[in-house]
C-alpha atoms as a PDB file:
ATOM      1  CA  MET A   1      -5.838  -7.753  -2.620  1.00  0.00           C
ATOM      2  CA  CYS A   2      -4.410  -8.180   0.868  1.00  0.00           C
ATOM      3  CA  VAL A   3      -3.964 -11.684   2.152  1.00  0.00           C
ATOM      4  CA  ILE A   4      -4.145 -12.302   5.881  1.00  0.00           C
ATOM      5  CA  ARG A   5      -1.292 -14.508   6.994  1.00  0.00           C
ATOM      6  CA  VAL A   6      -1.097 -16.268  10.327  1.00  0.00           C
ATOM      7  CA  TYR A   7       1.407 -14.649  12.668  1.00  0.00           C
ATOM      8  CA  PRO A   8       2.491 -16.301  15.907  1.00  0.00           C
ATOM      9  CA  TRP A   9       1.635 -13.242  18.013  1.00  0.00           C
ATOM     10  CA  LEU A  10      -1.991 -13.146  16.849  1.00  0.00           C
ATOM     11  CA  VAL A  11      -4.550 -14.906  18.976  1.00  0.00           C
ATOM     12  CA  PRO A  12      -6.153 -17.755  16.992  1.00  0.00           C
ATOM     13  CA  GLY A  13      -9.619 -16.858  15.801  1.00  0.00           C
ATOM     14  CA  LEU A  14      -9.057 -13.097  15.740  1.00  0.00           C
ATOM     15  CA  ILE A  15      -9.286 -11.216  12.469  1.00  0.00           C
ATOM     16  CA  ALA A  16      -6.133  -9.269  11.648  1.00  0.00           C
ATOM     17  CA  MET A  17      -6.712  -5.580  10.950  1.00  0.00           C
ATOM     18  CA  PHE A  18      -4.449  -3.690   8.587  1.00  0.00           C
ATOM     19  CA  GLU A  19      -2.904  -0.484   9.852  1.00  0.00           C
ATOM     20  CA  ILE A  20      -1.854   0.540   6.346  1.00  0.00           C
ATOM     21  CA  GLU A  21      -3.596  -0.745   3.247  1.00  0.00           C
ATOM     22  CA  THR A  22      -3.326   0.582  -0.298  1.00  0.00           C
ATOM     23  CA  HIS A  23      -4.734  -0.669  -3.571  1.00  0.00           C
ATOM     24  CA  ARG A  24      -3.339   0.439  -6.936  1.00  0.00           C
ATOM     25  CA  LEU A  25      -1.786   3.602  -5.446  1.00  0.00           C
ATOM     26  CA  THR A  26      -0.186   5.657  -8.231  1.00  0.00           C
ATOM     27  CA  ARG A  27       1.637   9.006  -8.401  1.00  0.00           C
ATOM     28  CA  LYS A  28       2.819  10.711 -11.576  1.00  0.00           C
ATOM     29  CA  PHE A  29       4.929  13.819 -12.071  1.00  0.00           C
ATOM     30  CA  GLY A  30       4.197  14.791 -15.660  1.00  0.00           C
ATOM     31  CA  GLU A  31       5.161  11.770 -17.762  1.00  0.00           C
ATOM     32  CA  LEU A  32       7.281  10.238 -14.954  1.00  0.00           C
ATOM     33  CA  VAL A  33       5.480   7.560 -12.947  1.00  0.00           C
ATOM     34  CA  ALA A  34       7.060   7.651  -9.484  1.00  0.00           C
ATOM     35  CA  VAL A  35       4.780   5.024  -7.880  1.00  0.00           C
ATOM     36  CA  ARG A  36       2.708   2.616  -9.971  1.00  0.00           C
ATOM     37  CA  ASP A  37      -0.136   0.421  -8.702  1.00  0.00           C
ATOM     38  CA  LEU A  38       1.268  -0.048  -5.182  1.00  0.00           C
ATOM     39  CA  GLU A  39      -0.406  -2.814  -3.187  1.00  0.00           C
ATOM     40  CA  LEU A  40       0.614  -2.587   0.471  1.00  0.00           C
ATOM     41  CA  CYS A  41      -0.860  -4.247   3.553  1.00  0.00           C
ATOM     42  CA  THR A  42       0.750  -4.074   6.983  1.00  0.00           C
ATOM     43  CA  PRO A  43      -0.975  -5.655   9.984  1.00  0.00           C
ATOM     44  CA  GLU A  44      -1.390  -3.529  13.109  1.00  0.00           C
ATOM     45  CA  GLY A  45       1.784  -3.227  15.162  1.00  0.00           C
ATOM     46  CA  THR A  46       4.057  -4.630  12.457  1.00  0.00           C
ATOM     47  CA  PRO A  47       7.192  -2.579  11.811  1.00  0.00           C
ATOM     48  CA  PHE A  48       8.169  -2.150   8.177  1.00  0.00           C
ATOM     49  CA  GLY A  49      10.459  -0.048   6.035  1.00  0.00           C
ATOM     50  CA  PHE A  50      11.271   0.785   2.451  1.00  0.00           C
ATOM     51  CA  LEU A  51      14.518  -0.299   0.826  1.00  0.00           C
ATOM     52  CA  GLY A  52      15.552   0.606  -2.686  1.00  0.00           C
ATOM     53  CA  PRO A  53      17.907   2.614  -4.842  1.00  0.00           C
ATOM     54  CA  ASN A  54      17.730   6.380  -5.261  1.00  0.00           C
ATOM     55  CA  GLY A  55      14.756   7.411  -7.354  1.00  0.00           C
ATOM     56  CA  SER A  56      12.713   4.266  -6.703  1.00  0.00           C
ATOM     57  CA  GLY A  57       9.761   6.085  -5.092  1.00  0.00           C
ATOM     58  CA  LYS A  58      10.383   5.538  -1.374  1.00  0.00           C
ATOM     59  CA  SER A  59       9.927   9.177  -0.295  1.00  0.00           C
ATOM     60  CA  THR A  60       7.014   9.670  -2.676  1.00  0.00           C
ATOM     61  CA  THR A  61       5.280   6.623  -1.170  1.00  0.00           C
ATOM     62  CA  VAL A  62       5.695   7.965   2.370  1.00  0.00           C
ATOM     63  CA  LYS A  63       4.320  11.346   1.251  1.00  0.00           C
ATOM     64  CA  LEU A  64       1.329   9.589  -0.334  1.00  0.00           C
ATOM     65  CA  LEU A  65       0.671   7.542   2.817  1.00  0.00           C
ATOM     66  CA  THR A  66       0.826  10.623   5.066  1.00  0.00           C
ATOM     67  CA  GLY A  67      -1.386  12.754   2.816  1.00  0.00           C
ATOM     68  CA  ILE A  68       1.325  15.262   1.888  1.00  0.00           C
ATOM     69  CA  LEU A  69       0.863  14.304  -1.778  1.00  0.00           C
ATOM     70  CA  PRO A  70      -2.436  13.224  -3.322  1.00  0.00           C
ATOM     71  CA  PRO A  71      -2.478  10.184  -5.617  1.00  0.00           C
ATOM     72  CA  SER A  72      -2.497  10.962  -9.325  1.00  0.00           C
ATOM     73  CA  VAL A  73      -5.001   8.327 -10.320  1.00  0.00           C
ATOM     74  CA  SER A  74      -8.132   7.421  -8.443  1.00  0.00           C
ATOM     75  CA  PHE A  75      -9.492   3.921  -8.983  1.00  0.00           C
ATOM     76  CA  ASP A  76     -12.670   2.218  -7.924  1.00  0.00           C
ATOM     77  CA  PRO A  77     -11.551   0.231  -4.850  1.00  0.00           C
ATOM     78  CA  GLN A  78     -13.292  -2.893  -6.163  1.00  0.00           C
ATOM     79  CA  PRO A  79     -13.367  -2.766  -9.968  1.00  0.00           C
ATOM     80  CA  GLU A  80     -15.257  -5.424 -11.862  1.00  0.00           C
ATOM     81  CA  GLY A  81     -13.450  -8.757 -11.718  1.00  0.00           C
ATOM     82  CA  TRP A  82     -11.074  -7.633  -8.926  1.00  0.00           C
ATOM     83  CA  GLY A  83      -9.944 -10.534  -6.747  1.00  0.00           C
ATOM     84  CA  GLN A  84     -11.509 -13.261  -8.882  1.00  0.00           C
END
């Protein structure tokens, strides 16, 4: 679940929109799980990047976000009990 935080550049009273939002994003290659249950929310106009060691799933995540790779597992976006 994405939590909206207050940022100084947002006008008070406006609802922040997320440019990128994922819930439980997963990609497997055979038995190898490259990305597991990724929760990512970036507000509009916010720069971000991925840092991590080789083999940690950075490139796979970018390919998932751009549609080059499909996710391996499809989940109901709001399963029972989610966010409670």
